[in-house]
Amino acid sequence: MPPSAQSPVPVPVQPEKNLPMPALSAALGMALSYYFYPLLVSVSWGRFLLLFLLFLLVGIVSFLRALCLFPGENVPAFISRMSILAVAVLAGFVLGIAAGRTSTASITMGLPAERVASVSGVLIEDPRSLQGGSGLGILKLKACGAQGGLRATARGRLTVFFPADSIPRLKEFGRGCEILAEGRLSQGSRGFLFSAASVHIVKAAPALESFRTDLRMKLLLKFQSRQGTRPPVWGSLASALLLGVRDDLDTDLSAAFRNSGCAHILALSGMHLAIVSGVLAFLFRRLMGMRWASLVGTVFILLYVFVVGPQPSLVRSIIMYLIGTFALWGLLKGKPISLLCMAFIVQLLFQSETGTSLSFILSYLALMGILTLGEDLRVLFRSRLPEIVSRCFSASLGAFVFTAPVVVLFFGSLRPIGIIAGLLAVPISSLFIVLSLAVLVVSFLPLPLWGVFDFMLTWVYRLLELTVSLAGRVRGFSISNPIPVLVFSVLFWLLILFIKRQDDTYRNSIASFD
């Protein structure tokens, strides 16, 4: 038999070393203290337990390091490794407490809450429109007032509901402007809320913020018809997927994304950043090489995040992209899980207030599921399914299993159809984003190409709408208790690990006899 006709020699499957890494250990320690520190200090024995855990960690670290420092002793390598991991856990634990105390900074009013009739401060986020015409924004407080002209200093971040007639002007001035809102302060389940009856612009935003708001508004207008008629049917979705503005998104389409389990597509995240950076890499890699193209992509992506705003899932993606760029230049080494853990630590330190947001939690859990359980599933499915199907299905299932307990906790239901629907919705959405980027470029050129892209985007939009609408008709499961879902997720992952180990053993046994 000629060599070209011979079957390839199977390569023995080497077991992967899934040992804990310092970045993962630090991230776990930080997550534990950040999310459970308020529970510990809320009980009478909580502080004692916290001190006990800290002293226990310090004792373990000191003991392990002492063993490794004895001269002439044959100390196993795993003891040195475990001591490093213990130090990482302790460091993460301390950082998590610091971040948790910063995130839970309470609102301070110089007046009794029942007397507050006005608040003033700076908008730290772009105001959003709600159903019915009203709006929502986050105010960094400076002062509060009461009837009779009484004024006092105030501090903290306050959620403010704006009346409908003030939304256009607030969007025009945008993030960074100083406002005075008159209305009523109330206490909700998540803290203070302020319902404004009237809003006054006290001071315009700084020059850089004004430039950013103006640029953002101009980009939104690019998705409007050039003939000045009504906006194209796909315009609101393009604004949502590229700029994160979902104010004008059709409510039925938004509900279809949610019911189909594909709501994550609407949230700016790593998928959107990967498409933008992929287009840039395609344009500049051949001219400049991969390293310099990554730097150009970094500058562009920083500008992109500056324009759309620091949304938690997008910030996570940009941090990982920057760390990956450092690794590409040889300044940093690490596996994808290490990069994710480092991004978690950095973001929780500098954006500690976003750590309790649902988008933050789901973003990290989904990517962790893709990098761990998703990779195990992909290895199991190799040579059994086409590579593109195996990769997409494994990632979708891994993300679903890891996020399922949190989804049940917040929404009380699960929609497994999202595992399958995502296989179609994600590539269609990616094509839609690429075509939307092309429309932005075409809008600056004196070429009659608008009609061509309008036609293509309309058909892609209709296809995406049909996909999520059909998937949204499949009923989900109503579950009130997340604990059984959490137990099932853990057991499912352990089962996959067991099957994968058996599969690796079987593959190695076949390869050894070939």
Protein backbone atom coordinates (compact mmCIF):
# COMPACT_ATOMS: atom_id res chain seq x y z
CA MET A 1 0.00 0.00 0.00
CA PRO A 2 1.47 3.40 -0.94
CA PRO A 3 2.26 5.78 1.91
CA SER A 4 -0.42 8.24 0.78
CA ALA A 5 -3.10 5.54 1.16
CA GLN A 6 -2.07 4.46 4.63
CA SER A 7 -4.27 5.48 7.53
CA PRO A 8 -2.70 8.01 9.89
CA VAL A 9 -1.04 6.63 12.98
CA PRO A 10 -3.10 7.51 16.07
CA VAL A 11 -1.33 9.80 18.46
CA PRO A 12 -1.56 8.80 22.12
CA VAL A 13 -3.82 11.08 24.10
CA GLN A 14 -1.94 12.66 26.95
CA PRO A 15 -3.96 13.44 30.07
CA GLU A 16 -4.29 17.14 30.66
CA LYS A 17 -2.89 18.63 33.82
CA ASN A 18 -5.84 20.56 35.19
CA LEU A 19 -3.95 21.80 38.22
CA PRO A 20 -5.09 24.99 39.96
CA MET A 21 -3.17 28.08 38.94
CA PRO A 22 -2.20 31.11 41.05
CA ALA A 23 -4.53 33.44 39.13
CA LEU A 24 -7.43 31.01 39.58
CA SER A 25 -6.68 30.60 43.28
CA ALA A 26 -6.53 34.37 43.80
CA ALA A 27 -9.78 34.86 41.87
CA LEU A 28 -11.54 32.18 43.95
CA GLY A 29 -10.34 33.74 47.20
CA MET A 30 -11.45 37.17 46.00
CA ALA A 31 -14.88 35.91 44.90
CA LEU A 32 -15.46 34.18 48.24
CA SER A 33 -14.64 37.23 50.34
CA TYR A 34 -16.35 39.72 48.00
CA TYR A 35 -19.69 37.90 47.85
CA PHE A 36 -19.76 36.36 51.35
CA TYR A 37 -18.06 39.06 53.44
CA PRO A 38 -21.38 40.93 54.02
CA LEU A 39 -22.95 37.67 55.24
CA LEU A 40 -20.08 36.96 57.61
CA VAL A 41 -20.02 40.37 59.26
CA SER A 42 -23.84 40.48 59.55
CA VAL A 43 -23.89 37.77 62.25
CA SER A 44 -22.50 38.04 65.76
CA TRP A 45 -19.80 35.40 65.24
CA GLY A 46 -19.03 36.45 61.66
CA ARG A 47 -16.02 38.63 62.46
CA PHE A 48 -14.53 35.92 64.66
CA LEU A 49 -14.99 33.38 61.84
CA LEU A 50 -13.41 35.77 59.37
CA LEU A 51 -10.36 36.29 61.60
CA PHE A 52 -10.12 32.53 62.15
CA LEU A 53 -10.09 31.88 58.40
CA LEU A 54 -7.41 34.52 57.87
CA PHE A 55 -5.21 33.10 60.65
CA LEU A 56 -5.77 29.59 59.28
CA LEU A 57 -4.66 30.66 55.81
CA VAL A 58 -1.62 32.46 57.24
CA GLY A 59 -0.74 29.36 59.28
CA ILE A 60 -1.00 27.05 56.29
CA VAL A 61 1.13 29.39 54.20
CA SER A 62 3.77 29.73 56.92
CA PHE A 63 3.90 25.96 57.48
CA LEU A 64 4.26 25.10 53.81
CA ARG A 65 6.88 27.75 53.18
CA ALA A 66 8.84 26.58 56.24
CA LEU A 67 8.94 23.05 54.85
CA CYS A 68 10.30 24.36 51.57
CA LEU A 69 13.04 26.39 53.25
CA PHE A 70 14.70 23.55 55.17
CA PRO A 71 18.17 23.07 53.62
CA GLY A 72 19.09 19.61 52.47
CA GLU A 73 15.54 18.29 52.68
CA ASN A 74 13.90 16.59 49.70
CA VAL A 75 10.66 18.56 49.71
CA PRO A 76 8.06 17.44 47.15
CA ALA A 77 7.36 19.94 44.42
CA PHE A 78 3.65 19.93 45.15
CA ILE A 79 4.27 21.42 48.63
CA SER A 80 5.99 24.42 47.09
CA ARG A 81 3.20 24.71 44.55
CA MET A 82 0.51 24.48 47.22
CA SER A 83 2.21 27.16 49.30
CA ILE A 84 2.16 29.52 46.30
CA LEU A 85 -1.52 28.79 45.75
CA ALA A 86 -2.25 29.40 49.44
CA VAL A 87 -0.55 32.79 49.21
CA ALA A 88 -2.64 33.56 46.13
CA VAL A 89 -5.87 32.59 47.91
CA LEU A 90 -4.95 34.76 50.90
CA ALA A 91 -4.10 37.74 48.69
CA GLY A 92 -7.34 37.35 46.76
CA PHE A 93 -9.28 37.05 50.03
CA VAL A 94 -7.90 40.36 51.27
CA LEU A 95 -8.48 42.10 47.92
CA GLY A 96 -12.06 40.82 47.86
CA ILE A 97 -12.78 42.33 51.27
CA ALA A 98 -11.39 45.68 50.12
CA ALA A 99 -13.43 45.58 46.91
CA GLY A 100 -16.57 44.54 48.79
CA ARG A 101 -16.31 47.41 51.24
CA THR A 102 -15.90 49.86 48.35
CA SER A 103 -18.88 48.48 46.43
CA THR A 104 -21.22 48.62 49.40
CA ALA A 105 -20.54 52.26 50.16
CA SER A 106 -23.92 53.55 51.34
CA ILE A 107 -25.68 56.72 50.24
CA THR A 108 -25.14 59.56 52.71
CA MET A 109 -27.75 62.29 52.92
CA GLY A 110 -27.25 65.41 55.01
CA LEU A 111 -31.00 65.50 55.60
CA PRO A 112 -33.57 62.95 56.81
CA ALA A 113 -34.65 60.79 53.88
CA GLU A 114 -38.33 61.66 54.30
CA ARG A 115 -37.56 65.38 53.92
CA VAL A 116 -35.45 65.15 50.73
CA ALA A 117 -37.26 66.88 47.86
CA SER A 118 -34.36 67.43 45.44
CA VAL A 119 -30.99 65.95 44.58
CA SER A 120 -28.11 67.23 42.48
CA GLY A 121 -25.05 65.53 41.06
CA VAL A 122 -23.30 64.25 37.96
CA LEU A 123 -24.66 61.66 35.55
CA ILE A 124 -22.14 58.80 35.50
CA GLU A 125 -23.98 56.73 32.88
CA ASP A 126 -25.87 57.52 29.70
CA PRO A 127 -29.57 57.94 30.52
CA ARG A 128 -31.75 55.12 29.19
CA SER A 129 -35.32 55.19 27.94
CA LEU A 130 -37.88 52.87 29.51
CA GLN A 131 -41.21 51.60 28.28
CA GLY A 132 -43.82 54.32 28.52
CA GLY A 133 -41.36 57.11 27.70
CA SER A 134 -39.75 57.64 31.10
CA GLY A 135 -36.03 57.22 31.67
CA LEU A 136 -33.41 55.95 34.10
CA GLY A 137 -29.96 57.17 35.10
CA ILE A 138 -27.30 56.87 37.81
CA LEU A 139 -26.39 60.05 39.65
CA LYS A 140 -23.21 60.64 41.62
CA LEU A 141 -24.61 62.77 44.41
CA LYS A 142 -23.26 66.16 45.43
CA ALA A 143 -26.10 67.69 47.41
CA CYS A 144 -29.72 67.23 48.44
CA GLY A 145 -32.41 69.70 49.37
CA ALA A 146 -35.68 70.04 51.27
CA GLN A 147 -38.65 72.39 51.22
CA GLY A 148 -37.86 75.97 52.16
CA GLY A 149 -34.52 76.08 50.32
CA LEU A 150 -32.63 73.96 52.84
CA ARG A 151 -29.55 72.33 51.26
CA ALA A 152 -27.04 69.74 52.51
CA THR A 153 -24.12 67.71 51.20
CA ALA A 154 -24.83 64.20 49.89
CA ARG A 155 -22.62 61.32 48.74
CA GLY A 156 -23.10 58.03 46.95
CA ARG A 157 -24.65 56.72 43.74
CA LEU A 158 -28.39 57.12 43.39
CA THR A 159 -30.74 55.61 40.80
CA VAL A 160 -33.01 58.33 39.40
CA PHE A 161 -36.17 57.87 37.33
CA PHE A 162 -36.66 60.77 34.92
CA PRO A 163 -39.92 62.06 33.40
CA ALA A 164 -40.47 61.47 29.68
CA ASP A 165 -40.18 65.12 28.66
CA SER A 166 -36.64 65.39 30.09
CA ILE A 167 -35.14 62.36 28.29
CA PRO A 168 -34.28 64.02 24.91
CA ARG A 169 -32.40 66.85 26.63
CA LEU A 170 -30.61 64.52 29.02
CA LYS A 171 -29.46 62.38 26.09
CA GLU A 172 -28.28 65.49 24.29
CA PHE A 173 -26.05 66.54 27.19
CA GLY A 174 -25.17 62.94 28.05
CA ARG A 175 -22.85 61.39 30.58
CA GLY A 176 -20.89 63.81 32.73
CA CYS A 177 -23.41 66.67 32.90
CA GLU A 178 -24.51 68.01 36.28
CA ILE A 179 -28.25 68.08 36.96
CA LEU A 180 -30.74 69.11 39.61
CA ALA A 181 -33.76 66.83 39.98
CA GLU A 182 -36.86 67.66 42.03
CA GLY A 183 -39.16 64.90 43.19
CA ARG A 184 -39.47 62.22 45.86
CA LEU A 185 -36.97 59.92 47.55
CA SER A 186 -38.09 56.38 48.41
CA GLN A 187 -36.54 53.24 49.85
CA GLY A 188 -36.58 50.16 47.62
CA SER A 189 -35.39 46.58 48.08
CA ARG A 190 -32.00 47.54 46.63
CA GLY A 191 -31.57 50.89 48.34
CA PHE A 192 -32.72 54.44 47.73
CA LEU A 193 -34.56 55.45 44.54
CA PHE A 194 -35.48 58.95 43.42
CA SER A 195 -38.51 59.67 41.23
CA ALA A 196 -37.97 63.04 39.55
CA ALA A 197 -40.89 65.27 38.61
CA SER A 198 -38.66 67.89 36.94
CA VAL A 199 -35.04 68.00 35.83
CA HIS A 200 -32.73 70.98 35.29
CA ILE A 201 -29.32 70.94 33.59
CA VAL A 202 -26.99 72.78 35.97
CA LYS A 203 -23.69 72.34 34.12
CA ALA A 204 -22.65 70.80 30.81
CA ALA A 205 -20.32 67.82 30.72
CA PRO A 206 -16.54 68.35 30.34
CA ALA A 207 -15.22 68.84 26.82
CA LEU A 208 -14.07 65.23 26.37
CA GLU A 209 -17.39 63.83 27.58
CA SER A 210 -19.31 66.27 25.34
CA PHE A 211 -17.24 65.16 22.35
CA ARG A 212 -17.96 61.54 23.20
CA THR A 213 -21.73 62.15 23.48
CA ASP A 214 -21.78 64.08 20.20
CA LEU A 215 -19.87 61.32 18.41
CA ARG A 216 -22.17 58.68 19.86
CA MET A 217 -25.27 60.52 18.67
CA LYS A 218 -23.81 60.96 15.16
CA LEU A 219 -23.05 57.24 14.93
CA LEU A 220 -26.61 56.44 15.96
CA LEU A 221 -27.88 58.71 13.19
CA LYS A 222 -25.81 56.76 10.67
CA PHE A 223 -28.26 53.90 11.06
CA GLN A 224 -31.05 56.12 9.77
CA SER A 225 -32.18 56.26 6.14
CA ARG A 226 -30.26 58.76 4.00
CA GLN A 227 -33.47 59.91 2.41
CA GLY A 228 -34.66 61.27 5.73
CA THR A 229 -37.63 58.91 5.88
CA ARG A 230 -38.39 56.57 8.73
CA PRO A 231 -35.47 54.49 10.08
CA PRO A 232 -34.80 51.11 8.45
CA VAL A 233 -36.28 48.07 10.14
CA TRP A 234 -32.84 46.89 11.22
CA GLY A 235 -31.64 50.24 12.59
CA SER A 236 -32.61 49.70 16.22
CA LEU A 237 -30.98 46.25 16.32
CA ALA A 238 -27.77 47.66 14.80
CA SER A 239 -27.74 50.36 17.48
CA ALA A 240 -28.15 47.68 20.16
CA LEU A 241 -25.50 45.28 18.86
CA LEU A 242 -22.87 47.89 17.98
CA LEU A 243 -23.45 50.76 20.42
CA GLY A 244 -25.37 49.08 23.23
CA VAL A 245 -28.37 51.40 22.83
CA ARG A 246 -31.56 49.36 23.20
CA ASP A 247 -33.97 52.25 23.79
CA ASP A 248 -35.71 51.87 20.41
CA LEU A 249 -35.45 48.09 20.10
CA ASP A 250 -38.73 46.45 19.21
CA THR A 251 -40.30 45.03 22.38
CA ASP A 252 -41.48 41.86 20.62
CA LEU A 253 -37.97 41.20 19.28
CA SER A 254 -36.44 41.84 22.69
CA ALA A 255 -38.92 39.41 24.26
CA ALA A 256 -38.11 36.83 21.55
CA PHE A 257 -34.39 37.03 22.39
CA ARG A 258 -35.21 36.58 26.06
CA ASN A 259 -37.67 33.70 25.56
CA SER A 260 -35.30 31.87 23.21
CA GLY A 261 -32.46 31.96 25.74
CA CYS A 262 -30.41 34.24 23.47
CA ALA A 263 -30.67 37.47 25.47
CA HIS A 264 -26.89 37.44 25.95
CA ILE A 265 -26.48 38.33 22.26
CA LEU A 266 -27.97 41.77 22.93
CA ALA A 267 -25.45 42.52 25.70
CA LEU A 268 -22.16 43.92 24.43
CA SER A 269 -19.54 41.34 25.33
CA GLY A 270 -16.61 39.33 24.05
CA MET A 271 -18.50 38.20 20.95
CA HIS A 272 -18.99 41.76 19.76
CA LEU A 273 -15.42 42.73 20.63
CA ALA A 274 -14.09 39.61 18.88
CA ILE A 275 -15.91 40.59 15.67
CA VAL A 276 -14.61 44.16 15.77
CA SER A 277 -11.04 43.06 16.56
CA GLY A 278 -11.29 40.29 13.94
CA VAL A 279 -12.17 42.82 11.24
CA LEU A 280 -9.24 45.00 12.30
CA ALA A 281 -6.86 42.04 12.33
CA PHE A 282 -8.01 41.08 8.84
CA LEU A 283 -7.33 44.61 7.57
CA PHE A 284 -3.96 45.26 9.25
CA ARG A 285 -2.31 41.86 9.86
CA ARG A 286 -0.81 41.50 6.39
CA LEU A 287 0.43 45.09 6.33
CA MET A 288 1.81 45.36 9.86
CA GLY A 289 2.14 41.85 11.26
CA MET A 290 0.14 40.33 14.09
CA ARG A 291 1.89 42.16 16.94
CA TRP A 292 1.55 45.68 15.54
CA ALA A 293 -1.96 44.91 14.33
CA SER A 294 -2.85 43.96 17.91
CA LEU A 295 -1.64 47.39 19.10
CA VAL A 296 -3.74 49.16 16.47
CA GLY A 297 -6.67 47.00 17.55
CA THR A 298 -6.05 47.93 21.18
CA VAL A 299 -6.22 51.67 20.43
CA PHE A 300 -9.38 51.25 18.35
CA ILE A 301 -11.06 49.03 20.94
CA LEU A 302 -10.27 51.49 23.75
CA LEU A 303 -11.92 54.22 21.67
CA TYR A 304 -14.85 51.89 21.02
CA VAL A 305 -15.37 51.21 24.73
CA PHE A 306 -15.04 54.94 25.43
CA VAL A 307 -17.88 55.66 23.00
CA VAL A 308 -20.32 52.90 23.99
CA GLY A 309 -19.66 53.12 27.73
CA PRO A 310 -18.07 50.83 30.36
CA GLN A 311 -20.65 48.04 30.42
CA PRO A 312 -19.50 45.20 32.74
CA SER A 313 -19.35 42.41 30.15
CA LEU A 314 -17.59 44.70 27.67
CA VAL A 315 -15.05 45.85 30.26
CA ARG A 316 -14.27 42.20 31.01
CA SER A 317 -13.63 41.63 27.32
CA ILE A 318 -11.36 44.65 26.90
CA ILE A 319 -9.30 43.68 29.96
CA MET A 320 -8.82 40.17 28.55
CA TYR A 321 -7.93 41.63 25.15
CA LEU A 322 -5.28 43.88 26.72
CA ILE A 323 -3.83 41.02 28.75
CA GLY A 324 -3.82 38.87 25.61
CA THR A 325 -1.95 41.64 23.75
CA PHE A 326 0.69 41.69 26.48
CA ALA A 327 1.00 37.90 26.14
CA LEU A 328 1.35 38.23 22.36
CA TRP A 329 4.29 40.59 22.85
CA GLY A 330 5.89 38.19 25.32
CA LEU A 331 5.29 40.47 28.32
CA LEU A 332 2.93 38.05 29.99
CA LYS A 333 2.26 34.33 29.84
CA GLY A 334 -0.87 32.51 30.80
CA LYS A 335 -3.65 30.16 29.78
CA PRO A 336 -7.11 31.46 28.84
CA ILE A 337 -8.47 30.63 32.30
CA SER A 338 -5.62 32.59 33.89
CA LEU A 339 -6.42 35.57 31.63
CA LEU A 340 -10.07 35.38 32.66
CA CYS A 341 -9.16 35.25 36.36
CA MET A 342 -6.79 38.21 36.03
CA ALA A 343 -9.53 40.18 34.27
CA PHE A 344 -11.91 39.31 37.14
CA ILE A 345 -9.41 40.57 39.74
CA VAL A 346 -8.63 43.80 37.86
CA GLN A 347 -12.26 44.64 37.11
CA LEU A 348 -13.43 43.91 40.64
CA LEU A 349 -10.70 46.18 42.02
CA PHE A 350 -11.41 49.15 39.73
CA GLN A 351 -15.14 48.59 39.12
CA SER A 352 -16.12 47.04 42.42
CA GLU A 353 -19.66 48.43 42.26
CA THR A 354 -20.42 46.31 39.17
CA GLY A 355 -19.55 43.03 40.90
CA THR A 356 -23.12 42.50 42.07
CA SER A 357 -24.72 43.26 38.69
CA LEU A 358 -26.30 40.38 36.84
CA SER A 359 -24.43 41.08 33.60
CA PHE A 360 -21.08 40.95 35.46
CA ILE A 361 -21.85 37.61 37.12
CA LEU A 362 -23.29 35.96 34.02
CA SER A 363 -20.46 37.23 31.84
CA TYR A 364 -17.73 35.60 33.92
CA LEU A 365 -19.68 32.42 34.63
CA ALA A 366 -20.50 31.91 30.96
CA LEU A 367 -16.89 32.31 29.83
CA MET A 368 -15.64 30.10 32.65
CA GLY A 369 -18.11 27.44 31.53
CA ILE A 370 -16.88 27.75 27.94
CA LEU A 371 -13.21 27.46 28.96
CA THR A 372 -13.69 24.50 31.34
CA LEU A 373 -16.75 22.33 30.74
CA GLY A 374 -16.99 23.51 27.13
CA GLU A 375 -13.42 22.43 26.42
CA ASP A 376 -14.00 19.03 28.05
CA LEU A 377 -17.08 18.52 25.88
CA ARG A 378 -15.21 19.61 22.76
CA VAL A 379 -12.52 17.01 23.44
CA LEU A 380 -15.22 14.34 23.87
CA PHE A 381 -16.93 15.31 20.63
CA ARG A 382 -13.76 15.48 18.51
CA SER A 383 -13.82 13.13 15.52
CA ARG A 384 -17.44 12.35 16.44
CA LEU A 385 -18.96 15.63 15.24
CA PRO A 386 -17.81 18.17 12.66
CA GLU A 387 -15.35 20.57 14.28
CA ILE A 388 -17.46 23.70 13.81
CA VAL A 389 -20.57 21.99 15.26
CA SER A 390 -18.57 20.47 18.11
CA ARG A 391 -16.96 23.79 19.05
CA CYS A 392 -20.19 25.82 18.97
CA PHE A 393 -22.36 23.21 20.72
CA SER A 394 -19.75 22.58 23.46
CA ALA A 395 -19.36 26.31 24.16
CA SER A 396 -23.13 26.84 24.26
CA LEU A 397 -23.72 23.89 26.60
CA GLY A 398 -20.82 24.83 28.88
CA ALA A 399 -22.07 28.40 29.25
CA PHE A 400 -25.63 27.20 29.89
CA VAL A 401 -24.66 24.76 32.66
CA PHE A 402 -22.48 27.30 34.49
CA THR A 403 -25.03 30.12 34.35
CA ALA A 404 -28.15 28.00 35.01
CA PRO A 405 -28.16 28.38 38.86
CA VAL A 406 -27.86 32.17 38.65
CA VAL A 407 -30.53 32.39 35.94
CA VAL A 408 -32.92 30.40 38.12
CA LEU A 409 -32.09 32.55 41.15
CA PHE A 410 -32.91 35.81 39.33
CA PHE A 411 -35.60 34.73 36.85
CA GLY A 412 -37.08 31.51 38.26
CA SER A 413 -36.99 29.68 34.92
CA LEU A 414 -34.68 27.90 32.49
CA ARG A 415 -34.88 27.75 28.70
CA PRO A 416 -32.63 24.93 27.41
CA ILE A 417 -33.71 25.75 23.85
CA GLY A 418 -31.10 28.49 24.02
CA ILE A 419 -28.37 25.84 23.67
CA ILE A 420 -29.65 24.97 20.19
CA ALA A 421 -30.97 28.41 19.24
CA GLY A 422 -27.56 29.94 19.91
CA LEU A 423 -25.99 27.71 17.28
CA LEU A 424 -28.02 29.59 14.66
CA ALA A 425 -28.54 32.99 16.29
CA VAL A 426 -24.87 33.68 17.07
CA PRO A 427 -23.50 33.29 13.50
CA ILE A 428 -26.47 35.22 12.06
CA SER A 429 -25.89 38.00 14.62
CA SER A 430 -22.18 38.02 13.76
CA LEU A 431 -23.00 38.49 10.08
CA PHE A 432 -25.42 41.27 11.02
CA ILE A 433 -22.72 43.07 13.04
CA VAL A 434 -20.20 42.85 10.18
CA LEU A 435 -22.75 44.27 7.73
CA SER A 436 -23.64 47.03 10.21
CA LEU A 437 -19.95 47.97 10.44
CA ALA A 438 -19.87 48.07 6.65
CA VAL A 439 -22.87 50.43 6.63
CA LEU A 440 -20.99 52.80 8.95
CA VAL A 441 -18.05 52.85 6.55
CA VAL A 442 -20.26 53.24 3.49
CA SER A 443 -22.13 56.15 5.08
CA PHE A 444 -18.92 58.20 4.93
CA LEU A 445 -18.28 57.42 1.26
CA PRO A 446 -19.87 59.22 -1.72
CA LEU A 447 -20.98 55.91 -3.21
CA PRO A 448 -24.57 54.74 -3.87
CA LEU A 449 -24.20 51.58 -1.77
CA TRP A 450 -26.73 52.30 0.95
CA GLY A 451 -29.54 50.50 -0.86
CA VAL A 452 -27.43 47.36 -1.33
CA PHE A 453 -26.53 47.08 2.35
CA ASP A 454 -30.05 48.04 3.38
CA PHE A 455 -31.37 45.11 1.33
CA MET A 456 -28.86 42.64 2.83
CA LEU A 457 -29.33 43.83 6.39
CA THR A 458 -33.10 43.65 6.08
CA TRP A 459 -32.95 40.00 5.01
CA VAL A 460 -30.42 39.07 7.72
CA TYR A 461 -32.57 40.90 10.28
CA ARG A 462 -35.67 38.98 9.19
CA LEU A 463 -33.77 35.68 9.38
CA LEU A 464 -32.54 36.46 12.90
CA GLU A 465 -36.03 37.58 13.93
CA LEU A 466 -37.53 34.34 12.60
CA THR A 467 -34.89 32.22 14.39
CA VAL A 468 -35.36 33.71 17.85
CA SER A 469 -39.14 33.93 17.43
CA LEU A 470 -39.48 30.22 16.62
CA ALA A 471 -37.11 29.25 19.45
CA GLY A 472 -38.98 31.54 21.83
CA ARG A 473 -42.17 29.52 21.33
CA VAL A 474 -40.59 26.50 23.01
CA ARG A 475 -41.63 26.51 26.63
CA GLY A 476 -39.02 26.54 29.35
CA PHE A 477 -39.02 25.15 32.89
CA SER A 478 -40.25 27.13 35.88
CA ILE A 479 -37.92 26.47 38.82
CA SER A 480 -38.08 28.45 42.05
CA ASN A 481 -35.16 26.89 43.95
CA PRO A 482 -31.65 27.25 42.45
CA ILE A 483 -30.04 24.70 44.80
CA PRO A 484 -31.13 21.57 42.82
CA VAL A 485 -29.94 23.26 39.63
CA LEU A 486 -26.57 24.00 41.24
CA VAL A 487 -26.24 20.38 42.40
CA PHE A 488 -27.17 19.11 38.94
CA SER A 489 -24.62 21.44 37.29
CA VAL A 490 -21.82 20.17 39.55
CA LEU A 491 -22.78 16.52 39.08
CA PHE A 492 -23.06 16.98 35.31
CA TRP A 493 -19.55 18.48 35.15
CA LEU A 494 -18.15 15.64 37.28
CA LEU A 495 -19.84 13.13 34.99
CA ILE A 496 -18.30 14.75 31.92
CA LEU A 497 -14.87 14.70 33.59
CA PHE A 498 -15.28 11.00 34.38
CA ILE A 499 -16.40 10.16 30.83
CA LYS A 500 -13.54 12.21 29.40
CA ARG A 501 -11.01 10.35 31.53
CA GLN A 502 -12.42 7.02 30.40
CA ASP A 503 -12.32 8.21 26.80
CA ASP A 504 -8.68 9.31 27.14
CA THR A 505 -7.78 5.90 28.60
CA TYR A 506 -9.55 4.14 25.73
CA ARG A 507 -7.82 6.28 23.09
CA ASN A 508 -4.42 5.68 24.68
CA SER A 509 -5.00 1.93 24.80
CA ILE A 510 -5.85 1.87 21.08
CA ALA A 511 -2.88 4.04 20.18
CA SER A 512 -0.48 1.81 22.13
CA PHE A 513 -1.47 -1.27 20.08
CA ASP A 514 -1.29 0.41 16.69
